[in-house]
Amino acid sequence: MKKSFLLMSLAALLFVGCDKEETTVVKDSSDFSIDGYIVDGDGNIPMEGVIVKGAFGETKTDTKGYFKVSGLNHGTYSVIFEKSGFGKMIQTFNLEPNTDTPLEVNYTASTIVSMFKMDGSMETTLWKVLNNKRVVLANVPYTINLLSPNSGVTFLYNKIEGVTDANGKISVNDTLPNAMVNVSVEYADEAAGKFYSLDMDVLPKTVSKSLDVNVQSLSEVLYVIDSNIFDADGLTVNNFEVGGSLTFNFNKSIDSKSTATLYNSSDSRDVAAVVTVSGSKLTIDPIGDLNKKKQYRVKLDVVSGDDEVTKTYYFTTVGAVESLAKVEGLTLENDFKVYEDTKTVNVEFSIVDGASYYEVFGKYGTQTEFLKFDVVSHTTSSTATKEKASLYLYDELPNMNIPSGKMFAEGNKYTIIVRAVANNGDILGEFSNPLVIAKNVTN
């Protein structure tokens, strides 16, 4: 069963050797602030030590779960809340003075944020009923959206996509919150002339072990046949080219009053675009290129006679996730050593002459593609007998679908490869030999 995590570009991939971005805040006559309380969503218990970060830098919550960031200018701020073992949250604040009050009056935007441990699982089997016979719905795409637990607050990694296995099963382990999620299925079976759908909000731990999907005749349903934001499995892409249009082909001719909107989810802003309808095709032409390494949301409100459908899709532009379907010419020495602690994994290997930093790619379990993933930092050292480099890897690797804190859990296996990069960005040589790390894996 194929599964992929959609990544918001605010958590876009970090390379070792990159300095922390510094933002200079230009003062004006206003003194804006953001404050609030962070609580554990499973019991509303105040959370101490939550990292609160944005363009202003970062701070942490106190013993009461409280934080405050002062001295801000008016404008828009995207704020991320994170703590190890919990799902990262994001909220956007628009700090603008009240027109009825003087600019010198202080203004504070307040919030309450619930955070959830990402250790929940969900397992269910999808069934379709045809000719009074129940049959498993095998090899169809599904989406699990993590719903907003508080007004204006969303999960940073808010979407899980996958395909049911040959037995119609959805199985997601140790990656869901104890909070409401939406399970969605839309699949057109052209051969059978049927459309299968499911749209359900549920707590993962309470989901039924067996779910029947809705079955309709294709002629009764208005749906998207294909789009350039979908891959071959019907899942939204994470490498959309920034210079193109978005196209959606429907199974019926659609009315000219059909509309669509485009939104930059990463930067919390609308994107100006021209929407055109021709026959059964809807095209969205952004005014100017989209930005690389960003997540976008497109909302369609489409009408065809008496039929009307509203759909929302998220896709990510090229550069946010770099994948390598095939790796050849692995040349670096295979002399890895691995050390583990509670938060990081330290991978040590021979230093590469001229390297400023290293890029790390990995794949988890039976994945076929290597995906670039985050690295905390790297160090180099030299002794009389050996020069070595060390990479400190996060315990949360969402690109590889590794559950938070589960890198070395029983039965897990992942493979990493490394390449060296010069200070000017030039690649030095080819990739290393692959390092396979596993614990009690039988195959």
Foldseek 3Di string as FASTA:
>chain_A
DDKAFDAFLVCFADFFLDDDDAADADADLEKEKEKEFEAAPVPRQTDWFKWKQWNQGIDTAHNRRMDMDIRHDFAKIKIWTDDFQKFIKIFIDGGDDDPVDDRNDYYYHYDYHHIFGQFDKAKAWEWEADPNDIATDFFAKKKKFADGPDVRMAGSRGIMIDTHHPRRMDIAGGGHGQHKIWIWGWDQDVVVQKIWIDTDIDGRVPDDRYYYTDIDGNVVDKDWPDKPQADPNRAGEAAAAFQDKIKTFIPFFWDQPKDKWKAFPNRGGTFDWDWGGDGRMIITGTPDTDDASRKMKMWIWIHDPPDTDIDIDIYHHRPSKDKDLDFDDADFDPPWDWDDDQWWIKIKDADDPQFSGKWKWKAKDPDRITITWYWDYKDWDDDPVGTMMIIIGGQDTSRRSQNRRCCAPAQIKMKMKMWGAHPVGDTDGGIHDIDMDYHNHDD
